[in-house]
Every structure is written in structure tokens, then in C-alpha cells.
Amino acid sequence: MENLYDGDVVGGRFCTVLGYCEGNDLDFYLKQNKFLTEKEARSIIVQTVSALRYLNEIKPPVIHYDLKPGLYTVYTS
């Protein structure tokens, strides 16, 4: 999870300031590679569920309403 530096409501919309995360997003990765291995898919799912569980457990809970491949950063070595 990226560092959250600030958050505010602007024009009735909640905005956040996050740390820069270098790499391509999952949408770009899928367009280049066409598929994920089972190991890659499992890793993404486990990390996503872990993050959603954390967001649900904090008080007040955070609801993420916009999960999509373009929001996942893929780190390659």
C-alpha cells in the first residue's frame, strides 16, 4: 500500500495525495502479456483481499468502490 500523505474533500469529492509508485499498471501489463500465470494471479488476489480486509477492519471502515486493473501497480524485477 502506498503512503497516504493527505486527504481532503474538494467540490464534494474526496481526494487523496499518495506517494509516487514507479512501475506500470496491471492494465498495461495485461495488454503486453495477454495473460497472468496462476502464481501471478494468486499473488494479486491475496494482496487485494488483504488490503480490503484491512480497510474494512479500521474504524471507520473505508469502502473502495473503484477496483480495476489500471489501479494496480506491477513491480517487475
PDB file of N, CA and C in Angstrom:
ATOM      1  N   MET A   1       0.853  -1.178   0.000  1.00  0.00           N
ATOM      2  CA  MET A   1       0.000   0.000   0.000  1.00  0.00           C
ATOM      3  C   MET A   1       0.895   1.235   0.000  1.00  0.00           C
ATOM      4  N   GLU A   2       0.550   2.196  -0.804  1.00  0.00           N
ATOM      5  CA  GLU A   2       1.320   3.429  -0.903  1.00  0.00           C
ATOM      6  C   GLU A   2       1.123   4.293   0.340  1.00  0.00           C
ATOM      7  N   ASN A   3       2.070   5.201   0.571  1.00  0.00           N
ATOM      8  CA  ASN A   3       1.951   6.143   1.676  1.00  0.00           C
ATOM      9  C   ASN A   3       0.871   7.169   1.369  1.00  0.00           C
ATOM     10  N   LEU A   4      -0.011   7.389   2.321  1.00  0.00           N
ATOM     11  CA  LEU A   4      -1.049   8.408   2.200  1.00  0.00           C
ATOM     12  C   LEU A   4      -0.537   9.657   2.898  1.00  0.00           C
ATOM     13  N   TYR A   5      -0.361  10.735   2.141  1.00  0.00           N
ATOM     14  CA  TYR A   5       0.189  11.967   2.697  1.00  0.00           C
ATOM     15  C   TYR A   5      -0.874  12.961   3.115  1.00  0.00           C
ATOM     16  N   ASP A   6      -2.001  12.968   2.424  1.00  0.00           N
ATOM     17  CA  ASP A   6      -3.032  13.943   2.746  1.00  0.00           C
ATOM     18  C   ASP A   6      -4.348  13.500   2.135  1.00  0.00           C
ATOM     19  N   GLY A   7      -5.423  14.016   2.663  1.00  0.00           N
ATOM     20  CA  GLY A   7      -6.746  13.748   2.118  1.00  0.00           C
ATOM     21  C   GLY A   7      -7.652  14.924   2.444  1.00  0.00           C
ATOM     22  N   ASP A   8      -8.586  15.227   1.556  1.00  0.00           N
ATOM     23  CA  ASP A   8      -9.475  16.357   1.759  1.00  0.00           C
ATOM     24  C   ASP A   8     -10.699  16.189   0.870  1.00  0.00           C
ATOM     25  N   VAL A   9     -11.731  16.941   1.177  1.00  0.00           N
ATOM     26  CA  VAL A   9     -12.918  16.976   0.331  1.00  0.00           C
ATOM     27  C   VAL A   9     -12.866  18.263  -0.473  1.00  0.00           C
ATOM     28  N   VAL A  10     -12.886  18.113  -1.795  1.00  0.00           N
ATOM     29  CA  VAL A  10     -12.818  19.256  -2.701  1.00  0.00           C
ATOM     30  C   VAL A  10     -14.010  19.170  -3.648  1.00  0.00           C
ATOM     31  N   GLY A  11     -14.836  20.191  -3.624  1.00  0.00           N
ATOM     32  CA  GLY A  11     -16.005  20.200  -4.503  1.00  0.00           C
ATOM     33  C   GLY A  11     -16.924  19.021  -4.267  1.00  0.00           C
ATOM     34  N   GLY A  12     -17.011  18.567  -3.023  1.00  0.00           N
ATOM     35  CA  GLY A  12     -17.870  17.436  -2.687  1.00  0.00           C
ATOM     36  C   GLY A  12     -17.270  16.077  -2.994  1.00  0.00           C
ATOM     37  N   ARG A  13     -16.013  16.039  -3.437  1.00  0.00           N
ATOM     38  CA  ARG A  13     -15.351  14.780  -3.759  1.00  0.00           C
ATOM     39  C   ARG A  13     -14.141  14.596  -2.857  1.00  0.00           C
ATOM     40  N   PHE A  14     -13.943  13.369  -2.387  1.00  0.00           N
ATOM     41  CA  PHE A  14     -12.801  13.063  -1.538  1.00  0.00           C
ATOM     42  C   PHE A  14     -11.568  12.857  -2.402  1.00  0.00           C
ATOM     43  N   CYS A  15     -10.490  13.555  -2.079  1.00  0.00           N
ATOM     44  CA  CYS A  15      -9.236  13.476  -2.827  1.00  0.00           C
ATOM     45  C   CYS A  15      -8.115  13.035  -1.899  1.00  0.00           C
ATOM     46  N   THR A  16      -7.164  12.281  -2.433  1.00  0.00           N
ATOM     47  CA  THR A  16      -6.021  11.841  -1.644  1.00  0.00           C
ATOM     48  C   THR A  16      -4.721  12.216  -2.340  1.00  0.00           C
ATOM     49  N   VAL A  17      -3.675  12.367  -1.532  1.00  0.00           N
ATOM     50  CA  VAL A  17      -2.333  12.598  -2.045  1.00  0.00           C
ATOM     51  C   VAL A  17      -1.499  11.403  -1.608  1.00  0.00           C
ATOM     52  N   LEU A  18      -1.058  10.615  -2.591  1.00  0.00           N
ATOM     53  CA  LEU A  18      -0.300   9.392  -2.329  1.00  0.00           C
ATOM     54  C   LEU A  18       1.136   9.541  -2.796  1.00  0.00           C
ATOM     55  N   GLY A  19       2.007   8.718  -2.260  1.00  0.00           N
ATOM     56  CA  GLY A  19       3.386   8.686  -2.713  1.00  0.00           C
ATOM     57  C   GLY A  19       3.474   8.134  -4.124  1.00  0.00           C
ATOM     58  N   TYR A  20       4.489   8.566  -4.875  1.00  0.00           N
ATOM     59  CA  TYR A  20       4.683   8.093  -6.243  1.00  0.00           C
ATOM     60  C   TYR A  20       5.107   6.639  -6.221  1.00  0.00           C
ATOM     61  N   CYS A  21       4.526   5.865  -7.083  1.00  0.00           N
ATOM     62  CA  CYS A  21       4.809   4.446  -7.172  1.00  0.00           C
ATOM     63  C   CYS A  21       5.309   4.149  -8.582  1.00  0.00           C
ATOM     64  N   GLU A  22       6.576   3.809  -8.724  1.00  0.00           N
ATOM     65  CA  GLU A  22       7.156   3.578 -10.045  1.00  0.00           C
ATOM     66  C   GLU A  22       6.789   2.198 -10.571  1.00  0.00           C
ATOM     67  N   GLY A  23       6.474   2.132 -11.836  1.00  0.00           N
ATOM     68  CA  GLY A  23       6.131   0.865 -12.476  1.00  0.00           C
ATOM     69  C   GLY A  23       4.924   1.055 -13.377  1.00  0.00           C
ATOM     70  N   ASN A  24       4.551   0.006 -14.072  1.00  0.00           N
ATOM     71  CA  ASN A  24       3.378   0.031 -14.935  1.00  0.00           C
ATOM     72  C   ASN A  24       2.174  -0.513 -14.183  1.00  0.00           C
ATOM     73  N   ASP A  25       0.990  -0.182 -14.677  1.00  0.00           N
ATOM     74  CA  ASP A  25      -0.202  -0.715 -14.021  1.00  0.00           C
ATOM     75  C   ASP A  25      -0.568  -2.078 -14.607  1.00  0.00           C
ATOM     76  N   LEU A  26      -1.445  -2.785 -13.925  1.00  0.00           N
ATOM     77  CA  LEU A  26      -1.837  -4.126 -14.326  1.00  0.00           C
ATOM     78  C   LEU A  26      -2.526  -4.126 -15.686  1.00  0.00           C
ATOM     79  N   ASP A  27      -3.277  -3.095 -16.001  1.00  0.00           N
ATOM     80  CA  ASP A  27      -3.926  -2.999 -17.300  1.00  0.00           C
ATOM     81  C   ASP A  27      -2.879  -3.002 -18.417  1.00  0.00           C
ATOM     82  N   PHE A  28      -1.840  -2.202 -18.288  1.00  0.00           N
ATOM     83  CA  PHE A  28      -0.753  -2.163 -19.258  1.00  0.00           C
ATOM     84  C   PHE A  28      -0.058  -3.518 -19.340  1.00  0.00           C
ATOM     85  N   TYR A  29       0.215  -4.117 -18.182  1.00  0.00           N
ATOM     86  CA  TYR A  29       0.883  -5.422 -18.117  1.00  0.00           C
ATOM     87  C   TYR A  29       0.078  -6.483 -18.866  1.00  0.00           C
ATOM     88  N   LEU A  30      -1.240  -6.498 -18.653  1.00  0.00           N
ATOM     89  CA  LEU A  30      -2.091  -7.481 -19.322  1.00  0.00           C
ATOM     90  C   LEU A  30      -2.134  -7.259 -20.830  1.00  0.00           C
ATOM     91  N   LYS A  31      -2.123  -6.023 -21.270  1.00  0.00           N
ATOM     92  CA  LYS A  31      -2.114  -5.744 -22.708  1.00  0.00           C
ATOM     93  C   LYS A  31      -0.807  -6.200 -23.350  1.00  0.00           C
ATOM     94  N   GLN A  32       0.290  -6.131 -22.606  1.00  0.00           N
ATOM     95  CA  GLN A  32       1.589  -6.552 -23.128  1.00  0.00           C
ATOM     96  C   GLN A  32       1.766  -8.073 -23.088  1.00  0.00           C
ATOM     97  N   ASN A  33       1.251  -8.711 -22.041  1.00  0.00           N
ATOM     98  CA  ASN A  33       1.500 -10.134 -21.822  1.00  0.00           C
ATOM     99  C   ASN A  33       0.299 -11.037 -22.103  1.00  0.00           C
ATOM    100  N   LYS A  34      -0.871 -10.474 -22.253  1.00  0.00           N
ATOM    101  CA  LYS A  34      -2.108 -11.176 -22.607  1.00  0.00           C
ATOM    102  C   LYS A  34      -2.677 -12.081 -21.520  1.00  0.00           C
ATOM    103  N   PHE A  35      -1.880 -12.553 -20.577  1.00  0.00           N
ATOM    104  CA  PHE A  35      -2.403 -13.402 -19.516  1.00  0.00           C
ATOM    105  C   PHE A  35      -1.480 -13.345 -18.301  1.00  0.00           C
ATOM    106  N   LEU A  36      -1.983 -13.845 -17.181  1.00  0.00           N
ATOM    107  CA  LEU A  36      -1.199 -13.980 -15.962  1.00  0.00           C
ATOM    108  C   LEU A  36      -0.979 -15.456 -15.693  1.00  0.00           C
ATOM    109  N   THR A  37       0.146 -15.784 -15.094  1.00  0.00           N
ATOM    110  CA  THR A  37       0.325 -17.154 -14.622  1.00  0.00           C
ATOM    111  C   THR A  37      -0.551 -17.346 -13.397  1.00  0.00           C
ATOM    112  N   GLU A  38      -0.783 -18.577 -13.027  1.00  0.00           N
ATOM    113  CA  GLU A  38      -1.578 -18.841 -11.827  1.00  0.00           C
ATOM    114  C   GLU A  38      -0.911 -18.218 -10.600  1.00  0.00           C
ATOM    115  N   LYS A  39       0.399 -18.285 -10.528  1.00  0.00           N
ATOM    116  CA  LYS A  39       1.131 -17.708  -9.394  1.00  0.00           C
ATOM    117  C   LYS A  39       0.940 -16.193  -9.328  1.00  0.00           C
ATOM    118  N   GLU A  40       1.014 -15.511 -10.488  1.00  0.00           N
ATOM    119  CA  GLU A  40       0.817 -14.066 -10.522  1.00  0.00           C
ATOM    120  C   GLU A  40      -0.610 -13.695 -10.115  1.00  0.00           C
ATOM    121  N   ALA A  41      -1.589 -14.409 -10.663  1.00  0.00           N
ATOM    122  CA  ALA A  41      -2.993 -14.130 -10.338  1.00  0.00           C
ATOM    123  C   ALA A  41      -3.261 -14.347  -8.852  1.00  0.00           C
ATOM    124  N   ARG A  42      -2.731 -15.440  -8.308  1.00  0.00           N
ATOM    125  CA  ARG A  42      -2.922 -15.729  -6.880  1.00  0.00           C
ATOM    126  C   ARG A  42      -2.313 -14.625  -6.025  1.00  0.00           C
ATOM    127  N   SER A  43      -1.137 -14.153  -6.390  1.00  0.00           N
ATOM    128  CA  SER A  43      -0.479 -13.089  -5.637  1.00  0.00           C
ATOM    129  C   SER A  43      -1.313 -11.811  -5.640  1.00  0.00           C
ATOM    130  N   ILE A  44      -1.843 -11.448  -6.794  1.00  0.00           N
ATOM    131  CA  ILE A  44      -2.677 -10.242  -6.887  1.00  0.00           C
ATOM    132  C   ILE A  44      -3.936 -10.382  -6.049  1.00  0.00           C
ATOM    133  N   ILE A  45      -4.574 -11.538  -6.130  1.00  0.00           N
ATOM    134  CA  ILE A  45      -5.810 -11.767  -5.358  1.00  0.00           C
ATOM    135  C   ILE A  45      -5.531 -11.729  -3.862  1.00  0.00           C
ATOM    136  N   VAL A  46      -4.469 -12.386  -3.412  1.00  0.00           N
ATOM    137  CA  VAL A  46      -4.134 -12.402  -1.979  1.00  0.00           C
ATOM    138  C   VAL A  46      -3.844 -10.984  -1.485  1.00  0.00           C
ATOM    139  N   GLN A  47      -3.094 -10.203  -2.250  1.00  0.00           N
ATOM    140  CA  GLN A  47      -2.782  -8.836  -1.842  1.00  0.00           C
ATOM    141  C   GLN A  47      -4.032  -7.957  -1.822  1.00  0.00           C
ATOM    142  N   THR A  48      -4.913  -8.150  -2.799  1.00  0.00           N
ATOM    143  CA  THR A  48      -6.152  -7.376  -2.858  1.00  0.00           C
ATOM    144  C   THR A  48      -7.049  -7.696  -1.670  1.00  0.00           C
ATOM    145  N   VAL A  49      -7.231  -8.970  -1.387  1.00  0.00           N
ATOM    146  CA  VAL A  49      -8.072  -9.369  -0.252  1.00  0.00           C
ATOM    147  C   VAL A  49      -7.480  -8.859   1.057  1.00  0.00           C
ATOM    148  N   SER A  50      -6.166  -8.916   1.196  1.00  0.00           N
ATOM    149  CA  SER A  50      -5.506  -8.414   2.406  1.00  0.00           C
ATOM    150  C   SER A  50      -5.759  -6.914   2.579  1.00  0.00           C
ATOM    151  N   ALA A  51      -5.624  -6.159   1.503  1.00  0.00           N
ATOM    152  CA  ALA A  51      -5.856  -4.707   1.578  1.00  0.00           C
ATOM    153  C   ALA A  51      -7.311  -4.396   1.890  1.00  0.00           C
ATOM    154  N   LEU A  52      -8.246  -5.100   1.248  1.00  0.00           N
ATOM    155  CA  LEU A  52      -9.671  -4.862   1.509  1.00  0.00           C
ATOM    156  C   LEU A  52     -10.051  -5.256   2.935  1.00  0.00           C
ATOM    157  N   ARG A  53      -9.474  -6.330   3.429  1.00  0.00           N
ATOM    158  CA  ARG A  53      -9.723  -6.740   4.812  1.00  0.00           C
ATOM    159  C   ARG A  53      -9.247  -5.653   5.778  1.00  0.00           C
ATOM    160  N   TYR A  54      -8.047  -5.135   5.531  1.00  0.00           N
ATOM    161  CA  TYR A  54      -7.513  -4.060   6.379  1.00  0.00           C
ATOM    162  C   TYR A  54      -8.428  -2.839   6.343  1.00  0.00           C
ATOM    163  N   LEU A  55      -8.841  -2.417   5.144  1.00  0.00           N
ATOM    164  CA  LEU A  55      -9.708  -1.241   5.021  1.00  0.00           C
ATOM    165  C   LEU A  55     -11.046  -1.443   5.724  1.00  0.00           C
ATOM    166  N   ASN A  56     -11.533  -2.675   5.744  1.00  0.00           N
ATOM    167  CA  ASN A  56     -12.796  -2.982   6.405  1.00  0.00           C
ATOM    168  C   ASN A  56     -12.664  -3.021   7.927  1.00  0.00           C
ATOM    169  N   GLU A  57     -11.480  -3.360   8.429  1.00  0.00           N
ATOM    170  CA  GLU A  57     -11.283  -3.511   9.877  1.00  0.00           C
ATOM    171  C   GLU A  57     -10.981  -2.204  10.592  1.00  0.00           C
ATOM    172  N   ILE A  58     -10.462  -1.199   9.896  1.00  0.00           N
ATOM    173  CA  ILE A  58     -10.160   0.054  10.575  1.00  0.00           C
ATOM    174  C   ILE A  58     -11.462   0.789  10.887  1.00  0.00           C
ATOM    175  N   LYS A  59     -11.406   1.684  11.856  1.00  0.00           N
ATOM    176  CA  LYS A  59     -12.595   2.431  12.269  1.00  0.00           C
ATOM    177  C   LYS A  59     -12.400   3.898  11.973  1.00  0.00           C
ATOM    178  N   PRO A  60     -13.243   4.529  11.209  1.00  0.00           N
ATOM    179  CA  PRO A  60     -14.347   3.934  10.466  1.00  0.00           C
ATOM    180  C   PRO A  60     -13.802   3.173   9.259  1.00  0.00           C
ATOM    181  N   PRO A  61     -14.515   2.149   8.819  1.00  0.00           N
ATOM    182  CA  PRO A  61     -14.035   1.379   7.671  1.00  0.00           C
ATOM    183  C   PRO A  61     -14.025   2.218   6.397  1.00  0.00           C
ATOM    184  N   VAL A  62     -13.158   1.840   5.480  1.00  0.00           N
ATOM    185  CA  VAL A  62     -13.047   2.517   4.191  1.00  0.00           C
ATOM    186  C   VAL A  62     -13.630   1.595   3.133  1.00  0.00           C
ATOM    187  N   ILE A  63     -14.493   2.132   2.290  1.00  0.00           N
ATOM    188  CA  ILE A  63     -15.093   1.359   1.213  1.00  0.00           C
ATOM    189  C   ILE A  63     -14.429   1.775  -0.094  1.00  0.00           C
ATOM    190  N   HIS A  64     -13.810   0.821  -0.767  1.00  0.00           N
ATOM    191  CA  HIS A  64     -13.187   1.106  -2.062  1.00  0.00           C
ATOM    192  C   HIS A  64     -14.178   0.722  -3.138  1.00  0.00           C
ATOM    193  N   TYR A  65     -14.570   1.675  -3.951  1.00  0.00           N
ATOM    194  CA  TYR A  65     -15.634   1.449  -4.920  1.00  0.00           C
ATOM    195  C   TYR A  65     -15.130   1.395  -6.365  1.00  0.00           C
ATOM    196  N   ASP A  66     -13.833   1.411  -6.576  1.00  0.00           N
ATOM    197  CA  ASP A  66     -13.338   1.520  -7.946  1.00  0.00           C
ATOM    198  C   ASP A  66     -12.127   0.617  -8.189  1.00  0.00           C
ATOM    199  N   LEU A  67     -12.277  -0.684  -7.947  1.00  0.00           N
ATOM    200  CA  LEU A  67     -11.172  -1.603  -8.195  1.00  0.00           C
ATOM    201  C   LEU A  67     -11.126  -1.953  -9.675  1.00  0.00           C
ATOM    202  N   LYS A  68      -9.965  -1.727 -10.291  1.00  0.00           N
ATOM    203  CA  LYS A  68      -9.783  -2.045 -11.711  1.00  0.00           C
ATOM    204  C   LYS A  68      -8.297  -2.222 -11.980  1.00  0.00           C
ATOM    205  N   PRO A  69      -7.943  -2.966 -13.026  1.00  0.00           N
ATOM    206  CA  PRO A  69      -6.527  -3.249 -13.303  1.00  0.00           C
ATOM    207  C   PRO A  69      -5.650  -2.011 -13.423  1.00  0.00           C
ATOM    208  N   GLY A  70      -6.195  -0.888 -13.879  1.00  0.00           N
ATOM    209  CA  GLY A  70      -5.392   0.320 -14.024  1.00  0.00           C
ATOM    210  C   GLY A  70      -4.954   0.926 -12.709  1.00  0.00           C
ATOM    211  N   LEU A  71      -5.513   0.461 -11.595  1.00  0.00           N
ATOM    212  CA  LEU A  71      -5.142   0.987 -10.276  1.00  0.00           C
ATOM    213  C   LEU A  71      -4.107   0.134  -9.548  1.00  0.00           C
ATOM    214  N   TYR A  72      -3.746  -1.001 -10.127  1.00  0.00           N
ATOM    215  CA  TYR A  72      -2.757  -1.881  -9.522  1.00  0.00           C
ATOM    216  C   TYR A  72      -1.402  -1.596 -10.166  1.00  0.00           C
ATOM    217  N   THR A  73      -0.389  -1.337  -9.365  1.00  0.00           N
ATOM    218  CA  THR A  73       0.952  -1.150  -9.891  1.00  0.00           C
ATOM    219  C   THR A  73       1.670  -2.481  -9.883  1.00  0.00           C
ATOM    220  N   VAL A  74       2.305  -2.818 -10.998  1.00  0.00           N
ATOM    221  CA  VAL A  74       3.032  -4.079 -11.130  1.00  0.00           C
ATOM    222  C   VAL A  74       4.523  -3.779 -11.036  1.00  0.00           C
ATOM    223  N   TYR A  75       5.168  -4.421 -10.068  1.00  0.00           N
ATOM    224  CA  TYR A  75       6.612  -4.281  -9.922  1.00  0.00           C
ATOM    225  C   TYR A  75       7.279  -5.458 -10.615  1.00  0.00           C
ATOM    226  N   THR A  76       8.220  -5.203 -11.475  1.00  0.00           N
ATOM    227  CA  THR A  76       8.954  -6.282 -12.127  1.00  0.00           C
ATOM    228  C   THR A  76      10.417  -6.163 -11.758  1.00  0.00           C
ATOM    229  N   SER A  77      11.056  -7.307 -11.642  1.00  0.00           N
ATOM    230  CA  SER A  77      12.478  -7.290 -11.274  1.00  0.00           C
ATOM    231  C   SER A  77      13.361  -7.621 -12.455  1.00  0.00           C
TER     232      SER A  77
END
